[in-house]
Amino acid sequence: MSKIKLKLYVIGNSLVSKRAIRNFKVLCSTAGLKGCCDMEVIDLMEHQDLAEKERILATPLLIRKEPLPQRRIIGDLSNRQKVLSTLELPDEEHE
């Protein structure tokens, strides 16, 4: 399997941002992603230029950058199955 590159965009230290970051870390350490996933959390308060560059209109936003094509999902990532399905990520429970 090729390397999966995920970027989570949040704004500040809000409750929703914290929840999304926690769910993101759990997702990357479980599922079929362990060891094959590059993950990055980006705070748009610190990197405001990226919001326009990445065309971000809402946060938290998780983008699967690689493999192409890119996939996006908005929210706190609490619905694991929806995240995996939307981003077309492997799920070890169903492999």
N, C-alpha and C. Protein backbone atom coordinates (compact mmCIF):
# COMPACT_ATOMS: atom_id res chain seq x y z
N MET A 1 0.84 -1.17 0.00
CA MET A 1 0.00 0.00 0.00
C MET A 1 0.88 1.24 0.00
N SER A 2 0.51 2.25 -0.80
CA SER A 2 1.28 3.48 -0.84
C SER A 2 1.01 4.31 0.42
N LYS A 3 1.94 5.21 0.71
CA LYS A 3 1.83 6.06 1.90
C LYS A 3 0.60 6.95 1.79
N ILE A 4 -0.13 7.06 2.88
CA ILE A 4 -1.31 7.91 2.94
C ILE A 4 -0.91 9.19 3.67
N LYS A 5 -1.23 10.33 3.07
CA LYS A 5 -0.88 11.61 3.66
C LYS A 5 -2.17 12.34 4.04
N LEU A 6 -2.32 12.58 5.35
CA LEU A 6 -3.52 13.24 5.87
C LEU A 6 -3.15 14.55 6.56
N LYS A 7 -3.97 15.58 6.32
CA LYS A 7 -3.77 16.87 6.99
C LYS A 7 -5.09 17.29 7.62
N LEU A 8 -5.01 17.61 8.91
CA LEU A 8 -6.18 18.08 9.64
C LEU A 8 -6.00 19.57 9.90
N TYR A 9 -6.95 20.36 9.44
CA TYR A 9 -6.93 21.81 9.63
C TYR A 9 -7.93 22.18 10.72
N VAL A 10 -7.45 22.91 11.72
CA VAL A 10 -8.29 23.36 12.84
C VAL A 10 -8.07 24.85 13.04
N ILE A 11 -8.92 25.45 13.87
CA ILE A 11 -8.74 26.85 14.23
C ILE A 11 -8.66 26.94 15.74
N GLY A 12 -7.48 27.28 16.23
CA GLY A 12 -7.29 27.51 17.65
C GLY A 12 -7.45 26.27 18.50
N ASN A 13 -7.80 26.53 19.76
CA ASN A 13 -7.83 25.49 20.79
C ASN A 13 -9.26 25.24 21.27
N SER A 14 -10.22 25.35 20.36
CA SER A 14 -11.62 25.17 20.74
C SER A 14 -11.91 23.71 21.10
N LEU A 15 -13.05 23.49 21.72
CA LEU A 15 -13.47 22.14 22.09
C LEU A 15 -13.59 21.25 20.85
N VAL A 16 -14.17 21.80 19.78
CA VAL A 16 -14.34 21.02 18.54
C VAL A 16 -12.98 20.68 17.94
N SER A 17 -12.05 21.64 17.96
CA SER A 17 -10.69 21.38 17.44
C SER A 17 -10.01 20.28 18.25
N LYS A 18 -10.11 20.37 19.57
CA LYS A 18 -9.49 19.35 20.43
C LYS A 18 -10.08 17.97 20.16
N ARG A 19 -11.40 17.91 20.01
CA ARG A 19 -12.07 16.64 19.75
C ARG A 19 -11.63 16.07 18.40
N ALA A 20 -11.54 16.93 17.39
CA ALA A 20 -11.11 16.48 16.06
C ALA A 20 -9.68 15.96 16.10
N ILE A 21 -8.80 16.66 16.81
CA ILE A 21 -7.40 16.23 16.92
C ILE A 21 -7.31 14.88 17.62
N ARG A 22 -8.05 14.72 18.71
CA ARG A 22 -8.05 13.45 19.44
C ARG A 22 -8.57 12.31 18.54
N ASN A 23 -9.69 12.54 17.87
CA ASN A 23 -10.25 11.52 16.99
C ASN A 23 -9.32 11.20 15.82
N PHE A 24 -8.64 12.21 15.32
CA PHE A 24 -7.68 12.05 14.23
C PHE A 24 -6.52 11.16 14.65
N LYS A 25 -5.99 11.40 15.83
CA LYS A 25 -4.87 10.60 16.33
C LYS A 25 -5.29 9.15 16.57
N VAL A 26 -6.49 8.96 17.11
CA VAL A 26 -6.99 7.60 17.32
C VAL A 26 -7.17 6.91 15.97
N LEU A 27 -7.75 7.61 15.01
CA LEU A 27 -7.97 7.05 13.68
C LEU A 27 -6.65 6.60 13.05
N CYS A 28 -5.62 7.43 13.15
CA CYS A 28 -4.33 7.11 12.53
C CYS A 28 -3.57 6.01 13.26
N SER A 29 -3.90 5.78 14.51
CA SER A 29 -3.19 4.73 15.27
C SER A 29 -3.95 3.40 15.24
N THR A 30 -5.13 3.41 14.69
CA THR A 30 -5.92 2.18 14.58
C THR A 30 -6.22 1.96 13.11
N ALA A 31 -7.41 1.52 12.84
CA ALA A 31 -7.84 1.23 11.46
C ALA A 31 -6.72 0.52 10.71
N GLY A 32 -6.71 0.62 9.43
CA GLY A 32 -5.66 0.02 8.62
C GLY A 32 -4.58 1.02 8.30
N LEU A 33 -4.46 2.07 9.13
CA LEU A 33 -3.54 3.17 8.83
C LEU A 33 -2.24 3.12 9.61
N LYS A 34 -2.18 2.30 10.64
CA LYS A 34 -1.00 2.28 11.49
C LYS A 34 0.25 1.95 10.68
N GLY A 35 1.23 2.85 10.74
CA GLY A 35 2.49 2.64 10.05
C GLY A 35 2.53 3.04 8.59
N CYS A 36 1.38 3.35 8.01
CA CYS A 36 1.37 3.73 6.59
C CYS A 36 0.77 5.11 6.39
N CYS A 37 0.72 5.89 7.46
CA CYS A 37 0.03 7.17 7.42
C CYS A 37 0.93 8.30 7.91
N ASP A 38 1.10 9.32 7.06
CA ASP A 38 1.74 10.56 7.49
C ASP A 38 0.63 11.51 7.89
N MET A 39 0.67 11.97 9.13
CA MET A 39 -0.40 12.85 9.60
C MET A 39 0.17 14.17 10.06
N GLU A 40 -0.60 15.23 9.82
CA GLU A 40 -0.19 16.57 10.22
C GLU A 40 -1.41 17.34 10.68
N VAL A 41 -1.27 18.05 11.80
CA VAL A 41 -2.33 18.93 12.30
C VAL A 41 -1.86 20.36 12.08
N ILE A 42 -2.70 21.16 11.44
CA ILE A 42 -2.35 22.54 11.12
C ILE A 42 -3.38 23.48 11.72
N ASP A 43 -2.90 24.41 12.55
CA ASP A 43 -3.76 25.43 13.15
C ASP A 43 -3.78 26.64 12.22
N LEU A 44 -4.95 26.93 11.67
CA LEU A 44 -5.06 28.04 10.73
C LEU A 44 -4.92 29.40 11.39
N MET A 45 -4.98 29.46 12.71
CA MET A 45 -4.70 30.72 13.41
C MET A 45 -3.22 31.06 13.25
N GLU A 46 -2.38 30.06 13.16
CA GLU A 46 -0.94 30.25 13.00
C GLU A 46 -0.51 30.27 11.54
N HIS A 47 -1.32 29.72 10.66
CA HIS A 47 -0.98 29.62 9.24
C HIS A 47 -2.18 30.07 8.40
N GLN A 48 -2.56 31.33 8.56
CA GLN A 48 -3.77 31.85 7.91
C GLN A 48 -3.70 31.79 6.38
N ASP A 49 -2.51 31.88 5.82
CA ASP A 49 -2.34 31.84 4.37
C ASP A 49 -2.81 30.51 3.77
N LEU A 50 -2.73 29.45 4.56
CA LEU A 50 -3.12 28.12 4.05
C LEU A 50 -4.62 27.99 3.84
N ALA A 51 -5.42 28.76 4.56
CA ALA A 51 -6.87 28.68 4.41
C ALA A 51 -7.27 29.02 2.97
N GLU A 52 -6.71 30.07 2.45
CA GLU A 52 -7.02 30.45 1.07
C GLU A 52 -6.37 29.49 0.07
N LYS A 53 -5.13 29.15 0.32
CA LYS A 53 -4.40 28.26 -0.59
C LYS A 53 -5.10 26.90 -0.74
N GLU A 54 -5.59 26.36 0.37
CA GLU A 54 -6.25 25.05 0.37
C GLU A 54 -7.77 25.15 0.16
N ARG A 55 -8.27 26.39 0.00
CA ARG A 55 -9.71 26.64 -0.20
C ARG A 55 -10.55 26.07 0.94
N ILE A 56 -10.15 26.43 2.14
CA ILE A 56 -10.83 25.94 3.34
C ILE A 56 -11.91 26.93 3.74
N LEU A 57 -13.15 26.47 3.80
CA LEU A 57 -14.28 27.31 4.16
C LEU A 57 -14.84 26.97 5.53
N ALA A 58 -14.51 25.79 6.04
CA ALA A 58 -15.02 25.36 7.34
C ALA A 58 -13.99 24.45 8.00
N THR A 59 -13.98 24.45 9.32
CA THR A 59 -13.08 23.58 10.08
C THR A 59 -13.86 22.93 11.21
N PRO A 60 -13.34 21.88 11.77
CA PRO A 60 -12.16 21.13 11.38
C PRO A 60 -12.37 20.44 10.03
N LEU A 61 -11.29 20.40 9.26
CA LEU A 61 -11.31 19.80 7.93
C LEU A 61 -10.16 18.82 7.81
N LEU A 62 -10.47 17.59 7.45
CA LEU A 62 -9.45 16.57 7.21
C LEU A 62 -9.36 16.34 5.71
N ILE A 63 -8.13 16.44 5.19
CA ILE A 63 -7.89 16.22 3.76
C ILE A 63 -6.95 15.03 3.59
N ARG A 64 -7.36 14.10 2.76
CA ARG A 64 -6.44 13.04 2.33
C ARG A 64 -5.74 13.60 1.10
N LYS A 65 -4.46 13.98 1.28
CA LYS A 65 -3.69 14.60 0.21
C LYS A 65 -3.16 13.56 -0.78
N GLU A 66 -2.77 12.42 -0.26
CA GLU A 66 -2.25 11.33 -1.09
C GLU A 66 -2.77 10.03 -0.54
N PRO A 67 -3.04 9.07 -1.37
CA PRO A 67 -2.93 9.09 -2.82
C PRO A 67 -4.04 9.94 -3.45
N LEU A 68 -3.75 10.42 -4.66
CA LEU A 68 -4.73 11.22 -5.39
C LEU A 68 -5.86 10.33 -5.87
N PRO A 69 -7.04 10.85 -6.10
CA PRO A 69 -7.46 12.23 -5.91
C PRO A 69 -7.67 12.55 -4.43
N GLN A 70 -7.56 13.83 -4.12
CA GLN A 70 -7.77 14.27 -2.75
C GLN A 70 -9.21 14.02 -2.33
N ARG A 71 -9.39 13.79 -1.04
CA ARG A 71 -10.72 13.64 -0.45
C ARG A 71 -10.78 14.52 0.78
N ARG A 72 -11.98 15.06 1.10
CA ARG A 72 -12.14 15.97 2.23
C ARG A 72 -13.36 15.58 3.06
N ILE A 73 -13.24 15.84 4.37
CA ILE A 73 -14.39 15.68 5.26
C ILE A 73 -14.30 16.74 6.35
N ILE A 74 -15.45 17.34 6.65
CA ILE A 74 -15.53 18.39 7.66
C ILE A 74 -16.21 17.82 8.90
N GLY A 75 -15.72 18.22 10.07
CA GLY A 75 -16.35 17.81 11.33
C GLY A 75 -15.32 17.33 12.33
N ASP A 76 -15.82 16.84 13.47
CA ASP A 76 -14.92 16.43 14.55
C ASP A 76 -14.41 15.00 14.41
N LEU A 77 -14.76 14.34 13.31
CA LEU A 77 -14.27 13.00 12.97
C LEU A 77 -14.73 11.93 13.95
N SER A 78 -15.84 12.17 14.62
CA SER A 78 -16.33 11.22 15.63
C SER A 78 -16.98 9.98 15.00
N ASN A 79 -17.45 10.10 13.77
CA ASN A 79 -18.05 8.95 13.09
C ASN A 79 -16.96 8.26 12.26
N ARG A 80 -16.30 7.32 12.87
CA ARG A 80 -15.14 6.64 12.27
C ARG A 80 -15.46 6.03 10.91
N GLN A 81 -16.56 5.32 10.81
CA GLN A 81 -16.93 4.67 9.56
C GLN A 81 -17.16 5.68 8.45
N LYS A 82 -17.78 6.81 8.78
CA LYS A 82 -18.02 7.85 7.78
C LYS A 82 -16.70 8.45 7.30
N VAL A 83 -15.77 8.67 8.22
CA VAL A 83 -14.46 9.22 7.86
C VAL A 83 -13.73 8.25 6.93
N LEU A 84 -13.67 6.99 7.32
CA LEU A 84 -12.97 5.98 6.51
C LEU A 84 -13.60 5.86 5.12
N SER A 85 -14.91 5.84 5.07
CA SER A 85 -15.61 5.69 3.81
C SER A 85 -15.43 6.92 2.91
N THR A 86 -15.63 8.10 3.47
CA THR A 86 -15.53 9.34 2.69
C THR A 86 -14.13 9.54 2.13
N LEU A 87 -13.12 9.26 2.95
CA LEU A 87 -11.73 9.46 2.52
C LEU A 87 -11.15 8.24 1.81
N GLU A 88 -11.98 7.19 1.68
CA GLU A 88 -11.55 5.94 1.05
C GLU A 88 -10.28 5.39 1.69
N LEU A 89 -10.35 5.26 3.01
CA LEU A 89 -9.22 4.75 3.80
C LEU A 89 -9.47 3.30 4.19
N PRO A 90 -8.41 2.53 4.36
CA PRO A 90 -8.58 1.12 4.73
C PRO A 90 -9.11 0.97 6.15
N ASP A 91 -9.90 -0.05 6.36
CA ASP A 91 -10.46 -0.36 7.67
C ASP A 91 -10.08 -1.80 7.99
N GLU A 92 -9.15 -1.98 8.92
CA GLU A 92 -8.64 -3.33 9.22
C GLU A 92 -9.72 -4.27 9.71
N GLU A 93 -10.80 -3.72 10.27
CA GLU A 93 -11.87 -4.58 10.76
C GLU A 93 -12.61 -5.27 9.63
N HIS A 94 -12.54 -4.69 8.42
CA HIS A 94 -13.29 -5.24 7.30
C HIS A 94 -12.39 -5.72 6.17
N GLU A 95 -11.11 -5.93 6.45
CA GLU A 95 -10.20 -6.40 5.41
C GLU A 95 -10.02 -7.89 5.50
